[in-house]
Amino acid sequence: MIWLAASLLAALSGLMGVGWFAPALISALVVVVVAIDSIEANEITLHQAGSLVLVVVVNFLLWRAGLALRRFFSQVR
């Protein structure tokens, strides 16, 4: 669920035209929360690390897609 919220925040920050730091901070927050949760549960696995990398990549891709949509909608008048 946290990954969906992070992805939506990244896409919205792209639509608002926020710089690259927004998805970076969102990704860092998600990584910290999930890492702390995994450490507490003693469940740090390679699959978990791969999922975190995937979340970071998806956040940046959605941010760029939001910027592209913003440019597209600002040109159509």
PDB file of N, CA and C in Angstrom:
ATOM      1  N   MET A   1       0.818  -1.189   0.000  1.00  0.00           N
ATOM      2  CA  MET A   1       0.000   0.000   0.000  1.00  0.00           C
ATOM      3  C   MET A   1       0.864   1.257   0.000  1.00  0.00           C
ATOM      4  N   ILE A   2       1.980   1.214   0.712  1.00  0.00           N
ATOM      5  CA  ILE A   2       2.865   2.377   0.742  1.00  0.00           C
ATOM      6  C   ILE A   2       3.470   2.624  -0.638  1.00  0.00           C
ATOM      7  N   TRP A   3       3.662   1.567  -1.407  1.00  0.00           N
ATOM      8  CA  TRP A   3       4.226   1.738  -2.748  1.00  0.00           C
ATOM      9  C   TRP A   3       3.244   2.439  -3.671  1.00  0.00           C
ATOM     10  N   LEU A   4       1.963   2.117  -3.536  1.00  0.00           N
ATOM     11  CA  LEU A   4       0.950   2.789  -4.343  1.00  0.00           C
ATOM     12  C   LEU A   4       0.878   4.274  -3.988  1.00  0.00           C
ATOM     13  N   ALA A   5       0.910   4.575  -2.703  1.00  0.00           N
ATOM     14  CA  ALA A   5       0.874   5.976  -2.280  1.00  0.00           C
ATOM     15  C   ALA A   5       2.105   6.731  -2.769  1.00  0.00           C
ATOM     16  N   ALA A   6       3.265   6.089  -2.706  1.00  0.00           N
ATOM     17  CA  ALA A   6       4.489   6.736  -3.185  1.00  0.00           C
ATOM     18  C   ALA A   6       4.427   6.975  -4.688  1.00  0.00           C
ATOM     19  N   SER A   7       3.885   6.023  -5.426  1.00  0.00           N
ATOM     20  CA  SER A   7       3.772   6.182  -6.877  1.00  0.00           C
ATOM     21  C   SER A   7       2.810   7.312  -7.232  1.00  0.00           C
ATOM     22  N   LEU A   8       1.707   7.391  -6.525  1.00  0.00           N
ATOM     23  CA  LEU A   8       0.757   8.478  -6.780  1.00  0.00           C
ATOM     24  C   LEU A   8       1.357   9.837  -6.439  1.00  0.00           C
ATOM     25  N   LEU A   9       2.088   9.915  -5.339  1.00  0.00           N
ATOM     26  CA  LEU A   9       2.748  11.174  -4.985  1.00  0.00           C
ATOM     27  C   LEU A   9       3.781  11.580  -6.030  1.00  0.00           C
ATOM     28  N   ALA A  10       4.531  10.616  -6.561  1.00  0.00           N
ATOM     29  CA  ALA A  10       5.529  10.924  -7.585  1.00  0.00           C
ATOM     30  C   ALA A  10       4.863  11.428  -8.861  1.00  0.00           C
ATOM     31  N   ALA A  11       3.768  10.785  -9.261  1.00  0.00           N
ATOM     32  CA  ALA A  11       3.060  11.225 -10.469  1.00  0.00           C
ATOM     33  C   ALA A  11       2.469  12.621 -10.273  1.00  0.00           C
ATOM     34  N   LEU A  12       1.892  12.871  -9.109  1.00  0.00           N
ATOM     35  CA  LEU A  12       1.326  14.195  -8.848  1.00  0.00           C
ATOM     36  C   LEU A  12       2.403  15.272  -8.786  1.00  0.00           C
ATOM     37  N   SER A  13       3.569  14.932  -8.243  1.00  0.00           N
ATOM     38  CA  SER A  13       4.642  15.929  -8.202  1.00  0.00           C
ATOM     39  C   SER A  13       5.129  16.251  -9.615  1.00  0.00           C
ATOM     40  N   GLY A  14       5.085  15.278 -10.507  1.00  0.00           N
ATOM     41  CA  GLY A  14       5.429  15.547 -11.903  1.00  0.00           C
ATOM     42  C   GLY A  14       4.402  16.441 -12.565  1.00  0.00           C
ATOM     43  N   LEU A  15       3.126  16.201 -12.287  1.00  0.00           N
ATOM     44  CA  LEU A  15       2.074  17.039 -12.863  1.00  0.00           C
ATOM     45  C   LEU A  15       2.142  18.474 -12.350  1.00  0.00           C
ATOM     46  N   MET A  16       2.602  18.636 -11.115  1.00  0.00           N
ATOM     47  CA  MET A  16       2.728  19.976 -10.550  1.00  0.00           C
ATOM     48  C   MET A  16       4.006  20.668 -11.009  1.00  0.00           C
ATOM     49  N   GLY A  17       4.913  19.937 -11.643  1.00  0.00           N
ATOM     50  CA  GLY A  17       6.133  20.531 -12.150  1.00  0.00           C
ATOM     51  C   GLY A  17       7.242  20.641 -11.126  1.00  0.00           C
ATOM     52  N   VAL A  18       7.178  19.832 -10.101  1.00  0.00           N
ATOM     53  CA  VAL A  18       8.203  19.856  -9.053  1.00  0.00           C
ATOM     54  C   VAL A  18       9.483  19.224  -9.593  1.00  0.00           C
ATOM     55  N   GLY A  19      10.616  19.671  -9.093  1.00  0.00           N
ATOM     56  CA  GLY A  19      11.901  19.168  -9.556  1.00  0.00           C
ATOM     57  C   GLY A  19      12.159  17.715  -9.178  1.00  0.00           C
ATOM     58  N   TRP A  20      13.331  17.254  -9.544  1.00  0.00           N
ATOM     59  CA  TRP A  20      13.695  15.848  -9.343  1.00  0.00           C
ATOM     60  C   TRP A  20      13.803  15.463  -7.876  1.00  0.00           C
ATOM     61  N   PHE A  21      13.903  16.452  -6.985  1.00  0.00           N
ATOM     62  CA  PHE A  21      14.083  16.151  -5.570  1.00  0.00           C
ATOM     63  C   PHE A  21      12.830  15.549  -4.937  1.00  0.00           C
ATOM     64  N   ALA A  22      11.656  15.826  -5.486  1.00  0.00           N
ATOM     65  CA  ALA A  22      10.422  15.284  -4.907  1.00  0.00           C
ATOM     66  C   ALA A  22      10.367  13.757  -5.002  1.00  0.00           C
ATOM     67  N   PRO A  23      10.561  13.158  -6.186  1.00  0.00           N
ATOM     68  CA  PRO A  23      10.540  11.688  -6.205  1.00  0.00           C
ATOM     69  C   PRO A  23      11.720  11.079  -5.446  1.00  0.00           C
ATOM     70  N   ALA A  24      12.835  11.797  -5.377  1.00  0.00           N
ATOM     71  CA  ALA A  24      13.974  11.289  -4.611  1.00  0.00           C
ATOM     72  C   ALA A  24      13.640  11.231  -3.125  1.00  0.00           C
ATOM     73  N   LEU A  25      13.012  12.274  -2.605  1.00  0.00           N
ATOM     74  CA  LEU A  25      12.627  12.280  -1.192  1.00  0.00           C
ATOM     75  C   LEU A  25      11.532  11.264  -0.901  1.00  0.00           C
ATOM     76  N   ILE A  26      10.577  11.135  -1.815  1.00  0.00           N
ATOM     77  CA  ILE A  26       9.514  10.146  -1.647  1.00  0.00           C
ATOM     78  C   ILE A  26      10.114   8.739  -1.628  1.00  0.00           C
ATOM     79  N   SER A  27      11.022   8.472  -2.555  1.00  0.00           N
ATOM     80  CA  SER A  27      11.665   7.160  -2.619  1.00  0.00           C
ATOM     81  C   SER A  27      12.497   6.890  -1.375  1.00  0.00           C
ATOM     82  N   ALA A  28      13.220   7.891  -0.917  1.00  0.00           N
ATOM     83  CA  ALA A  28      14.034   7.715   0.286  1.00  0.00           C
ATOM     84  C   ALA A  28      13.153   7.417   1.495  1.00  0.00           C
ATOM     85  N   LEU A  29      12.035   8.088   1.600  1.00  0.00           N
ATOM     86  CA  LEU A  29      11.122   7.841   2.706  1.00  0.00           C
ATOM     87  C   LEU A  29      10.569   6.420   2.659  1.00  0.00           C
ATOM     88  N   VAL A  30      10.175   5.969   1.473  1.00  0.00           N
ATOM     89  CA  VAL A  30       9.652   4.607   1.330  1.00  0.00           C
ATOM     90  C   VAL A  30      10.729   3.581   1.674  1.00  0.00           C
ATOM     91  N   VAL A  31      11.943   3.793   1.191  1.00  0.00           N
ATOM     92  CA  VAL A  31      13.042   2.858   1.466  1.00  0.00           C
ATOM     93  C   VAL A  31      13.313   2.785   2.967  1.00  0.00           C
ATOM     94  N   VAL A  32      13.326   3.922   3.633  1.00  0.00           N
ATOM     95  CA  VAL A  32      13.591   3.926   5.074  1.00  0.00           C
ATOM     96  C   VAL A  32      12.479   3.206   5.833  1.00  0.00           C
ATOM     97  N   VAL A  33      11.235   3.484   5.506  1.00  0.00           N
ATOM     98  CA  VAL A  33      10.113   2.861   6.212  1.00  0.00           C
ATOM     99  C   VAL A  33      10.110   1.348   6.004  1.00  0.00           C
ATOM    100  N   VAL A  34      10.276   0.913   4.759  1.00  0.00           N
ATOM    101  CA  VAL A  34      10.256  -0.524   4.471  1.00  0.00           C
ATOM    102  C   VAL A  34      11.486  -1.209   5.058  1.00  0.00           C
ATOM    103  N   ALA A  35      12.631  -0.553   5.016  1.00  0.00           N
ATOM    104  CA  ALA A  35      13.840  -1.152   5.588  1.00  0.00           C
ATOM    105  C   ALA A  35      13.712  -1.316   7.096  1.00  0.00           C
ATOM    106  N   ILE A  36      13.198  -0.313   7.772  1.00  0.00           N
ATOM    107  CA  ILE A  36      13.008  -0.424   9.225  1.00  0.00           C
ATOM    108  C   ILE A  36      12.021  -1.535   9.550  1.00  0.00           C
ATOM    109  N   ASP A  37      10.949  -1.620   8.772  1.00  0.00           N
ATOM    110  CA  ASP A  37       9.970  -2.674   8.986  1.00  0.00           C
ATOM    111  C   ASP A  37      10.586  -4.058   8.751  1.00  0.00           C
ATOM    112  N   SER A  38      11.404  -4.184   7.725  1.00  0.00           N
ATOM    113  CA  SER A  38      12.045  -5.461   7.430  1.00  0.00           C
ATOM    114  C   SER A  38      13.065  -5.841   8.493  1.00  0.00           C
ATOM    115  N   ILE A  39      13.793  -4.865   8.989  1.00  0.00           N
ATOM    116  CA  ILE A  39      14.774  -5.142  10.046  1.00  0.00           C
ATOM    117  C   ILE A  39      14.064  -5.590  11.322  1.00  0.00           C
ATOM    118  N   GLU A  40      12.973  -4.930  11.651  1.00  0.00           N
ATOM    119  CA  GLU A  40      12.204  -5.311  12.839  1.00  0.00           C
ATOM    120  C   GLU A  40      11.663  -6.732  12.737  1.00  0.00           C
ATOM    121  N   ALA A  41      11.260  -7.126  11.541  1.00  0.00           N
ATOM    122  CA  ALA A  41      10.672  -8.449  11.347  1.00  0.00           C
ATOM    123  C   ALA A  41      11.713  -9.508  10.986  1.00  0.00           C
ATOM    124  N   ASN A  42      12.983  -9.131  10.896  1.00  0.00           N
ATOM    125  CA  ASN A  42      14.056 -10.049  10.483  1.00  0.00           C
ATOM    126  C   ASN A  42      13.763 -10.695   9.130  1.00  0.00           C
ATOM    127  N   GLU A  43      13.304  -9.902   8.177  1.00  0.00           N
ATOM    128  CA  GLU A  43      12.919 -10.420   6.869  1.00  0.00           C
ATOM    129  C   GLU A  43      13.615  -9.671   5.735  1.00  0.00           C
ATOM    130  N   ILE A  44      14.884  -9.378   5.878  1.00  0.00           N
ATOM    131  CA  ILE A  44      15.607  -8.705   4.801  1.00  0.00           C
ATOM    132  C   ILE A  44      16.032  -9.775   3.791  1.00  0.00           C
ATOM    133  N   THR A  45      15.510  -9.689   2.596  1.00  0.00           N
ATOM    134  CA  THR A  45      15.827 -10.668   1.554  1.00  0.00           C
ATOM    135  C   THR A  45      16.222  -9.939   0.283  1.00  0.00           C
ATOM    136  N   LEU A  46      16.752 -10.680  -0.655  1.00  0.00           N
ATOM    137  CA  LEU A  46      17.104 -10.118  -1.954  1.00  0.00           C
ATOM    138  C   LEU A  46      15.849  -9.667  -2.697  1.00  0.00           C
ATOM    139  N   HIS A  47      14.764 -10.392  -2.497  1.00  0.00           N
ATOM    140  CA  HIS A  47      13.495 -10.010  -3.113  1.00  0.00           C
ATOM    141  C   HIS A  47      13.020  -8.657  -2.583  1.00  0.00           C
ATOM    142  N   GLN A  48      13.173  -8.437  -1.302  1.00  0.00           N
ATOM    143  CA  GLN A  48      12.782  -7.159  -0.703  1.00  0.00           C
ATOM    144  C   GLN A  48      13.627  -6.015  -1.258  1.00  0.00           C
ATOM    145  N   ALA A  49      14.923  -6.251  -1.387  1.00  0.00           N
ATOM    146  CA  ALA A  49      15.807  -5.222  -1.947  1.00  0.00           C
ATOM    147  C   ALA A  49      15.446  -4.927  -3.395  1.00  0.00           C
ATOM    148  N   GLY A  50      15.133  -5.959  -4.160  1.00  0.00           N
ATOM    149  CA  GLY A  50      14.716  -5.758  -5.544  1.00  0.00           C
ATOM    150  C   GLY A  50      13.423  -4.972  -5.642  1.00  0.00           C
ATOM    151  N   SER A  51      12.509  -5.237  -4.733  1.00  0.00           N
ATOM    152  CA  SER A  51      11.246  -4.494  -4.716  1.00  0.00           C
ATOM    153  C   SER A  51      11.481  -3.026  -4.409  1.00  0.00           C
ATOM    154  N   LEU A  52      12.398  -2.735  -3.501  1.00  0.00           N
ATOM    155  CA  LEU A  52      12.695  -1.342  -3.180  1.00  0.00           C
ATOM    156  C   LEU A  52      13.317  -0.620  -4.369  1.00  0.00           C
ATOM    157  N   VAL A  53      14.208  -1.295  -5.082  1.00  0.00           N
ATOM    158  CA  VAL A  53      14.804  -0.695  -6.285  1.00  0.00           C
ATOM    159  C   VAL A  53      13.730  -0.439  -7.326  1.00  0.00           C
ATOM    160  N   LEU A  54      12.818  -1.377  -7.466  1.00  0.00           N
ATOM    161  CA  LEU A  54      11.720  -1.211  -8.419  1.00  0.00           C
ATOM    162  C   LEU A  54      10.851  -0.010  -8.054  1.00  0.00           C
ATOM    163  N   VAL A  55      10.586   0.188  -6.784  1.00  0.00           N
ATOM    164  CA  VAL A  55       9.785   1.330  -6.337  1.00  0.00           C
ATOM    165  C   VAL A  55      10.479   2.644  -6.673  1.00  0.00           C
ATOM    166  N   VAL A  56      11.785   2.708  -6.463  1.00  0.00           N
ATOM    167  CA  VAL A  56      12.534   3.934  -6.767  1.00  0.00           C
ATOM    168  C   VAL A  56      12.488   4.222  -8.264  1.00  0.00           C
ATOM    169  N   VAL A  57      12.696   3.216  -9.083  1.00  0.00           N
ATOM    170  CA  VAL A  57      12.681   3.398 -10.539  1.00  0.00           C
ATOM    171  C   VAL A  57      11.292   3.815 -11.015  1.00  0.00           C
ATOM    172  N   VAL A  58      10.263   3.166 -10.499  1.00  0.00           N
ATOM    173  CA  VAL A  58       8.890   3.504 -10.898  1.00  0.00           C
ATOM    174  C   VAL A  58       8.543   4.930 -10.478  1.00  0.00           C
ATOM    175  N   ASN A  59       8.993   5.348  -9.300  1.00  0.00           N
ATOM    176  CA  ASN A  59       8.717   6.727  -8.865  1.00  0.00           C
ATOM    177  C   ASN A  59       9.304   7.743  -9.843  1.00  0.00           C
ATOM    178  N   PHE A  60      10.533   7.520 -10.279  1.00  0.00           N
ATOM    179  CA  PHE A  60      11.137   8.457 -11.220  1.00  0.00           C
ATOM    180  C   PHE A  60      10.473   8.394 -12.594  1.00  0.00           C
ATOM    181  N   LEU A  61      10.083   7.207 -13.036  1.00  0.00           N
ATOM    182  CA  LEU A  61       9.390   7.095 -14.322  1.00  0.00           C
ATOM    183  C   LEU A  61       8.027   7.794 -14.283  1.00  0.00           C
ATOM    184  N   LEU A  62       7.299   7.611 -13.202  1.00  0.00           N
ATOM    185  CA  LEU A  62       6.002   8.284 -13.091  1.00  0.00           C
ATOM    186  C   LEU A  62       6.161   9.794 -12.963  1.00  0.00           C
ATOM    187  N   TRP A  63       7.205  10.234 -12.304  1.00  0.00           N
ATOM    188  CA  TRP A  63       7.468  11.669 -12.212  1.00  0.00           C
ATOM    189  C   TRP A  63       7.721  12.249 -13.600  1.00  0.00           C
ATOM    190  N   ARG A  64       8.542  11.553 -14.407  1.00  0.00           N
ATOM    191  CA  ARG A  64       8.809  12.028 -15.774  1.00  0.00           C
ATOM    192  C   ARG A  64       7.545  11.993 -16.628  1.00  0.00           C
ATOM    193  N   ALA A  65       6.720  10.969 -16.428  1.00  0.00           N
ATOM    194  CA  ALA A  65       5.459  10.901 -17.172  1.00  0.00           C
ATOM    195  C   ALA A  65       4.551  12.065 -16.782  1.00  0.00           C
ATOM    196  N   GLY A  66       4.524  12.421 -15.513  1.00  0.00           N
ATOM    197  CA  GLY A  66       3.738  13.571 -15.068  1.00  0.00           C
ATOM    198  C   GLY A  66       4.234  14.863 -15.687  1.00  0.00           C
ATOM    199  N   LEU A  67       5.562  15.010 -15.782  1.00  0.00           N
ATOM    200  CA  LEU A  67       6.105  16.208 -16.442  1.00  0.00           C
ATOM    201  C   LEU A  67       5.736  16.242 -17.919  1.00  0.00           C
ATOM    202  N   ALA A  68       5.793  15.085 -18.569  1.00  0.00           N
ATOM    203  CA  ALA A  68       5.432  15.018 -19.986  1.00  0.00           C
ATOM    204  C   ALA A  68       3.958  15.375 -20.186  1.00  0.00           C
ATOM    205  N   LEU A  69       3.092  14.872 -19.322  1.00  0.00           N
ATOM    206  CA  LEU A  69       1.670  15.225 -19.422  1.00  0.00           C
ATOM    207  C   LEU A  69       1.450  16.712 -19.175  1.00  0.00           C
ATOM    208  N   ARG A  70       2.181  17.278 -18.252  1.00  0.00           N
ATOM    209  CA  ARG A  70       2.045  18.707 -17.987  1.00  0.00           C
ATOM    210  C   ARG A  70       2.440  19.527 -19.219  1.00  0.00           C
ATOM    211  N   ARG A  71       3.549  19.145 -19.848  1.00  0.00           N
ATOM    212  CA  ARG A  71       3.982  19.851 -21.061  1.00  0.00           C
ATOM    213  C   ARG A  71       2.952  19.677 -22.167  1.00  0.00           C
ATOM    214  N   PHE A  72       2.412  18.478 -22.317  1.00  0.00           N
ATOM    215  CA  PHE A  72       1.419  18.215 -23.358  1.00  0.00           C
ATOM    216  C   PHE A  72       0.179  19.069 -23.137  1.00  0.00           C
ATOM    217  N   PHE A  73      -0.345  19.106 -21.926  1.00  0.00           N
ATOM    218  CA  PHE A  73      -1.553  19.867 -21.660  1.00  0.00           C
ATOM    219  C   PHE A  73      -1.322  21.367 -21.706  1.00  0.00           C
ATOM    220  N   SER A  74      -0.090  21.817 -21.449  1.00  0.00           N
ATOM    221  CA  SER A  74       0.168  23.260 -21.520  1.00  0.00           C
ATOM    222  C   SER A  74       0.318  23.727 -22.958  1.00  0.00           C
ATOM    223  N   GLN A  75       0.655  22.828 -23.889  1.00  0.00           N
ATOM    224  CA  GLN A  75       0.788  23.199 -25.291  1.00  0.00           C
ATOM    225  C   GLN A  75      -0.539  23.185 -26.023  1.00  0.00           C
ATOM    226  N   VAL A  76      -1.474  22.382 -25.577  1.00  0.00           N
ATOM    227  CA  VAL A  76      -2.766  22.275 -26.237  1.00  0.00           C
ATOM    228  C   VAL A  76      -3.674  23.379 -25.715  1.00  0.00           C
ATOM    229  N   ARG A  77      -3.841  24.417 -26.511  1.00  0.00           N
ATOM    230  CA  ARG A  77      -4.722  25.527 -26.126  1.00  0.00           C
ATOM    231  C   ARG A  77      -5.572  25.958 -27.270  1.00  0.00           C
TER     232      ARG A  77
END
